[in-house]
C-alpha cells in the first residue's frame, strides 16, 4: 500500500523496525519537503516487499558502477519522474537512504546519492570508499551525504 509522506507531521509509518526510526522518518520527510518545494510533487513510498523492480534497478546500478551490494534490509521505495529526471529511492532499516537521479536527456545529470540518518554508523559497504558532507535539517537533524556519478546507460 502506498503512503504519501507528510513533512508537516512527521510519521514513522513503515519504518518502525529501524533502530534510528525517528531520524529516518525525518530524513524521509526532508526528501518529501524538497520535492514539494522544488517540483510540487507529492513524495509517495511503498513497502520494499511490493517494489522488487525498483530495488533490482537500484541494485544493478550500484553493483555495475561501484560493486556495492548492501546487506541492510530495505523498508520502503519510491520511483517517479519529474520534468526530465527519473528518481528512485530506497530507505533501509539501518537508517540509510539511497537515491538514483537519472536525467533522461542529459548524461551529465545522472548520479547515485547516499544519505545517512543521524545516529547511524557509515555502512561497511561505504566506509573508505566515500567522504560524507554534513547538512543540517530541521526535520532530520544532521544528515551525512555523499554521491557518485553514473557512467553507464540504464
C-alpha atoms as a PDB file:
ATOM      1  CA  UNK A   1       0.000   0.000   0.000  1.00  0.00           C
ATOM      2  CA  UNK A   2       1.369   3.429  -0.922  1.00  0.00           C
ATOM      3  CA  UNK A   3       1.884   6.206   1.594  1.00  0.00           C
ATOM      4  CA  UNK A   4       2.182   9.939   0.853  1.00  0.00           C
ATOM      5  CA  UNK A   5       4.926  11.298   3.104  1.00  0.00           C
ATOM      6  CA  UNK A   6       3.737  14.255   5.182  1.00  0.00           C
ATOM      7  CA  UNK A   7       6.605  16.601   6.023  1.00  0.00           C
ATOM      8  CA  UNK A   8       4.460  18.779   8.284  1.00  0.00           C
ATOM      9  CA  UNK A   9       3.556  15.906  10.614  1.00  0.00           C
ATOM     10  CA  UNK A  10       6.487  13.501  10.503  1.00  0.00           C
ATOM     11  CA  UNK A  11       5.376   9.895  10.864  1.00  0.00           C
ATOM     12  CA  UNK A  12       7.369   6.701  11.415  1.00  0.00           C
ATOM     13  CA  UNK A  13       4.824   4.588   9.483  1.00  0.00           C
ATOM     14  CA  UNK A  14       6.643   1.844   7.595  1.00  0.00           C
ATOM     15  CA  UNK A  15       9.955   2.491   9.333  1.00  0.00           C
ATOM     16  CA  UNK A  16       9.185   1.166  12.819  1.00  0.00           C
ATOM     17  CA  UNK A  17      11.806  -1.616  12.741  1.00  0.00           C
ATOM     18  CA  UNK A  18      14.700   0.844  12.300  1.00  0.00           C
ATOM     19  CA  UNK A  19      16.942   1.468  15.325  1.00  0.00           C
ATOM     20  CA  UNK A  20      17.064   5.137  14.210  1.00  0.00           C
ATOM     21  CA  UNK A  21      13.361   5.309  13.356  1.00  0.00           C
ATOM     22  CA  UNK A  22      12.812   8.980  14.247  1.00  0.00           C
ATOM     23  CA  UNK A  23      15.877  10.194  12.326  1.00  0.00           C
ATOM     24  CA  UNK A  24      14.988   8.022   9.318  1.00  0.00           C
ATOM     25  CA  UNK A  25      11.415   9.344   9.355  1.00  0.00           C
ATOM     26  CA  UNK A  26      12.829  12.874   9.468  1.00  0.00           C
ATOM     27  CA  UNK A  27      15.132  12.101   6.548  1.00  0.00           C
ATOM     28  CA  UNK A  28      12.214  10.737   4.525  1.00  0.00           C
ATOM     29  CA  UNK A  29      10.155  13.839   5.385  1.00  0.00           C
ATOM     30  CA  UNK A  30      13.094  16.047   4.374  1.00  0.00           C
ATOM     31  CA  UNK A  31      13.069  14.431   0.919  1.00  0.00           C
ATOM     32  CA  UNK A  32       9.282  14.899   0.683  1.00  0.00           C
ATOM     33  CA  UNK A  33       9.618  18.595   1.519  1.00  0.00           C
ATOM     34  CA  UNK A  34      12.328  19.039  -1.132  1.00  0.00           C
ATOM     35  CA  UNK A  35      10.175  17.524  -3.895  1.00  0.00           C
ATOM     36  CA  UNK A  36       7.104  19.507  -2.885  1.00  0.00           C
ATOM     37  CA  UNK A  37       9.021  22.798  -2.737  1.00  0.00           C
ATOM     38  CA  UNK A  38      11.049  22.276  -5.923  1.00  0.00           C
ATOM     39  CA  UNK A  39       8.638  20.340  -8.168  1.00  0.00           C
ATOM     40  CA  UNK A  40       5.200  20.445  -6.452  1.00  0.00           C
ATOM     41  CA  UNK A  41       5.419  16.626  -6.374  1.00  0.00           C
ATOM     42  CA  UNK A  42       3.911  14.521  -3.557  1.00  0.00           C
ATOM     43  CA  UNK A  43       6.575  12.081  -2.363  1.00  0.00           C
ATOM     44  CA  UNK A  44       4.943   8.659  -2.136  1.00  0.00           C
ATOM     45  CA  UNK A  45       6.568   5.487  -0.815  1.00  0.00           C
ATOM     46  CA  UNK A  46       5.596   1.827  -0.965  1.00  0.00           C
ATOM     47  CA  UNK A  47       6.829  -1.130   1.068  1.00  0.00           C
ATOM     48  CA  UNK A  48      10.013  -2.672  -0.319  1.00  0.00           C
ATOM     49  CA  UNK A  49       8.221  -6.025  -0.452  1.00  0.00           C
ATOM     50  CA  UNK A  50       5.965  -4.546  -3.158  1.00  0.00           C
ATOM     51  CA  UNK A  51       8.708  -2.918  -5.207  1.00  0.00           C
ATOM     52  CA  UNK A  52      11.140  -5.576  -6.366  1.00  0.00           C
ATOM     53  CA  UNK A  53      11.553  -3.883  -9.764  1.00  0.00           C
ATOM     54  CA  UNK A  54      12.745  -0.607  -8.194  1.00  0.00           C
ATOM     55  CA  UNK A  55      15.166  -2.425  -5.881  1.00  0.00           C
ATOM     56  CA  UNK A  56      16.527  -4.523  -8.765  1.00  0.00           C
ATOM     57  CA  UNK A  57      17.079  -1.350 -10.824  1.00  0.00           C
ATOM     58  CA  UNK A  58      18.955   0.373  -7.993  1.00  0.00           C
ATOM     59  CA  UNK A  59      20.944  -2.737  -7.051  1.00  0.00           C
ATOM     60  CA  UNK A  60      22.018  -3.209 -10.672  1.00  0.00           C
ATOM     61  CA  UNK A  61      23.378   0.347 -10.860  1.00  0.00           C
ATOM     62  CA  UNK A  62      25.185   0.021  -7.513  1.00  0.00           C
ATOM     63  CA  UNK A  63      26.720  -3.306  -8.454  1.00  0.00           C
ATOM     64  CA  UNK A  64      27.736  -2.431 -12.009  1.00  0.00           C
ATOM     65  CA  UNK A  65      29.026   1.063 -11.272  1.00  0.00           C
ATOM     66  CA  UNK A  66      30.789   0.534  -7.929  1.00  0.00           C
ATOM     67  CA  UNK A  67      30.495  -3.170  -6.966  1.00  0.00           C
ATOM     68  CA  UNK A  68      28.316  -2.242  -3.974  1.00  0.00           C
ATOM     69  CA  UNK A  69      25.828  -4.722  -2.516  1.00  0.00           C
ATOM     70  CA  UNK A  70      24.106  -3.647   0.700  1.00  0.00           C
ATOM     71  CA  UNK A  71      23.375  -6.115   3.476  1.00  0.00           C
ATOM     72  CA  UNK A  72      20.810  -3.817   5.129  1.00  0.00           C
ATOM     73  CA  UNK A  73      17.110  -4.581   4.757  1.00  0.00           C
ATOM     74  CA  UNK A  74      15.163  -2.187   2.508  1.00  0.00           C
ATOM     75  CA  UNK A  75      11.934  -0.956   4.114  1.00  0.00           C
ATOM     76  CA  UNK A  76      10.425   1.352   1.507  1.00  0.00           C
ATOM     77  CA  UNK A  77      10.966   2.623  -2.014  1.00  0.00           C
ATOM     78  CA  UNK A  78       9.752   5.398  -4.251  1.00  0.00           C
ATOM     79  CA  UNK A  79      10.060   5.767  -8.024  1.00  0.00           C
ATOM     80  CA  UNK A  80       8.781   8.620 -10.160  1.00  0.00           C
ATOM     81  CA  UNK A  81       9.669  11.163 -12.807  1.00  0.00           C
ATOM     82  CA  UNK A  82       9.517  14.950 -12.510  1.00  0.00           C
ATOM     83  CA  UNK A  83      10.287  17.066 -15.535  1.00  0.00           C
ATOM     84  CA  UNK A  84      13.048  15.190 -17.390  1.00  0.00           C
ATOM     85  CA  UNK A  85      14.516  13.389 -14.367  1.00  0.00           C
ATOM     86  CA  UNK A  86      13.693   9.883 -13.157  1.00  0.00           C
ATOM     87  CA  UNK A  87      14.133   9.296  -9.426  1.00  0.00           C
ATOM     88  CA  UNK A  88      14.320   6.071  -7.442  1.00  0.00           C
ATOM     89  CA  UNK A  89      14.629   5.943  -3.661  1.00  0.00           C
ATOM     90  CA  UNK A  90      15.163   3.220  -1.100  1.00  0.00           C
ATOM     91  CA  UNK A  91      15.018   3.658   2.668  1.00  0.00           C
ATOM     92  CA  UNK A  92      16.827   0.979   4.676  1.00  0.00           C
ATOM     93  CA  UNK A  93      16.322  -0.376   8.178  1.00  0.00           C
ATOM     94  CA  UNK A  94      19.777   0.758   9.329  1.00  0.00           C
ATOM     95  CA  UNK A  95      18.923   4.408   8.511  1.00  0.00           C
ATOM     96  CA  UNK A  96      20.445   4.636   5.032  1.00  0.00           C
ATOM     97  CA  UNK A  97      18.597   6.342   2.190  1.00  0.00           C
ATOM     98  CA  UNK A  98      19.765   5.851  -1.385  1.00  0.00           C
ATOM     99  CA  UNK A  99      18.520   7.768  -4.377  1.00  0.00           C
ATOM    100  CA  UNK A 100      19.157   7.423  -8.087  1.00  0.00           C
ATOM    101  CA  UNK A 101      18.745  10.613 -10.113  1.00  0.00           C
ATOM    102  CA  UNK A 102      18.715   9.825 -13.827  1.00  0.00           C
ATOM    103  CA  UNK A 103      18.169  12.576 -16.378  1.00  0.00           C
ATOM    104  CA  UNK A 104      16.517  11.139 -19.476  1.00  0.00           C
ATOM    105  CA  UNK A 105      18.218  13.592 -21.843  1.00  0.00           C
ATOM    106  CA  UNK A 106      21.447  14.709 -20.146  1.00  0.00           C
ATOM    107  CA  UNK A 107      24.046  12.011 -19.319  1.00  0.00           C
ATOM    108  CA  UNK A 108      25.913  14.565 -17.148  1.00  0.00           C
ATOM    109  CA  UNK A 109      22.994  14.712 -14.705  1.00  0.00           C
ATOM    110  CA  UNK A 110      22.935  11.122 -13.506  1.00  0.00           C
ATOM    111  CA  UNK A 111      24.048  10.159 -10.019  1.00  0.00           C
ATOM    112  CA  UNK A 112      23.521   7.932  -7.009  1.00  0.00           C
ATOM    113  CA  UNK A 113      23.231   9.650  -3.652  1.00  0.00           C
ATOM    114  CA  UNK A 114      23.651   8.236  -0.157  1.00  0.00           C
ATOM    115  CA  UNK A 115      22.202   9.868   2.949  1.00  0.00           C
ATOM    116  CA  UNK A 116      22.833   8.629   6.465  1.00  0.00           C
ATOM    117  CA  UNK A 117      20.295   9.214   9.215  1.00  0.00           C
ATOM    118  CA  UNK A 118      21.538  10.861  12.375  1.00  0.00           C
ATOM    119  CA  UNK A 119      22.778   8.235  14.833  1.00  0.00           C
ATOM    120  CA  UNK A 120      23.723   5.526  12.336  1.00  0.00           C
ATOM    121  CA  UNK A 121      27.212   4.297  11.535  1.00  0.00           C
ATOM    122  CA  UNK A 122      28.572   4.510   7.994  1.00  0.00           C
ATOM    123  CA  UNK A 123      27.647   1.184   6.344  1.00  0.00           C
ATOM    124  CA  UNK A 124      30.641  -1.118   5.883  1.00  0.00           C
ATOM    125  CA  UNK A 125      29.932  -1.115   2.137  1.00  0.00           C
ATOM    126  CA  UNK A 126      30.701   2.633   2.022  1.00  0.00           C
ATOM    127  CA  UNK A 127      33.488   3.001   4.591  1.00  0.00           C
ATOM    128  CA  UNK A 128      36.733   4.209   2.990  1.00  0.00           C
ATOM    129  CA  UNK A 129      35.007   4.497  -0.432  1.00  0.00           C
ATOM    130  CA  UNK A 130      33.191   7.806   0.128  1.00  0.00           C
ATOM    131  CA  UNK A 131      33.623  11.007   2.097  1.00  0.00           C
ATOM    132  CA  UNK A 132      30.434  12.363   3.643  1.00  0.00           C
ATOM    133  CA  UNK A 133      29.433  16.013   3.873  1.00  0.00           C
ATOM    134  CA  UNK A 134      27.170  17.144   6.693  1.00  0.00           C
ATOM    135  CA  UNK A 135      23.976  19.128   6.309  1.00  0.00           C
ATOM    136  CA  UNK A 136      21.551  20.327   8.953  1.00  0.00           C
ATOM    137  CA  UNK A 137      17.834  19.673   8.603  1.00  0.00           C
ATOM    138  CA  UNK A 138      15.016  20.803  10.881  1.00  0.00           C
ATOM    139  CA  UNK A 139      13.244  17.526  10.104  1.00  0.00           C
ATOM    140  CA  UNK A 140      16.179  15.090  10.237  1.00  0.00           C
ATOM    141  CA  UNK A 141      18.867  16.659  12.429  1.00  0.00           C
ATOM    142  CA  UNK A 142      22.317  16.198  10.920  1.00  0.00           C
ATOM    143  CA  UNK A 143      22.336  14.320   7.617  1.00  0.00           C
ATOM    144  CA  UNK A 144      25.579  12.971   6.202  1.00  0.00           C
ATOM    145  CA  UNK A 145      25.589  12.592   2.448  1.00  0.00           C
ATOM    146  CA  UNK A 146      27.720  11.525  -0.480  1.00  0.00           C
ATOM    147  CA  UNK A 147      27.237  10.581  -4.133  1.00  0.00           C
ATOM    148  CA  UNK A 148      28.816   9.259  -7.290  1.00  0.00           C
ATOM    149  CA  UNK A 149      28.170   9.999 -10.956  1.00  0.00           C
ATOM    150  CA  UNK A 150      26.607   7.239 -13.058  1.00  0.00           C
ATOM    151  CA  UNK A 151      28.737   6.493 -16.119  1.00  0.00           C
ATOM    152  CA  UNK A 152      26.722   3.817 -17.988  1.00  0.00           C
ATOM    153  CA  UNK A 153      23.229   3.791 -19.505  1.00  0.00           C
ATOM    154  CA  UNK A 154      20.381   2.208 -17.518  1.00  0.00           C
END
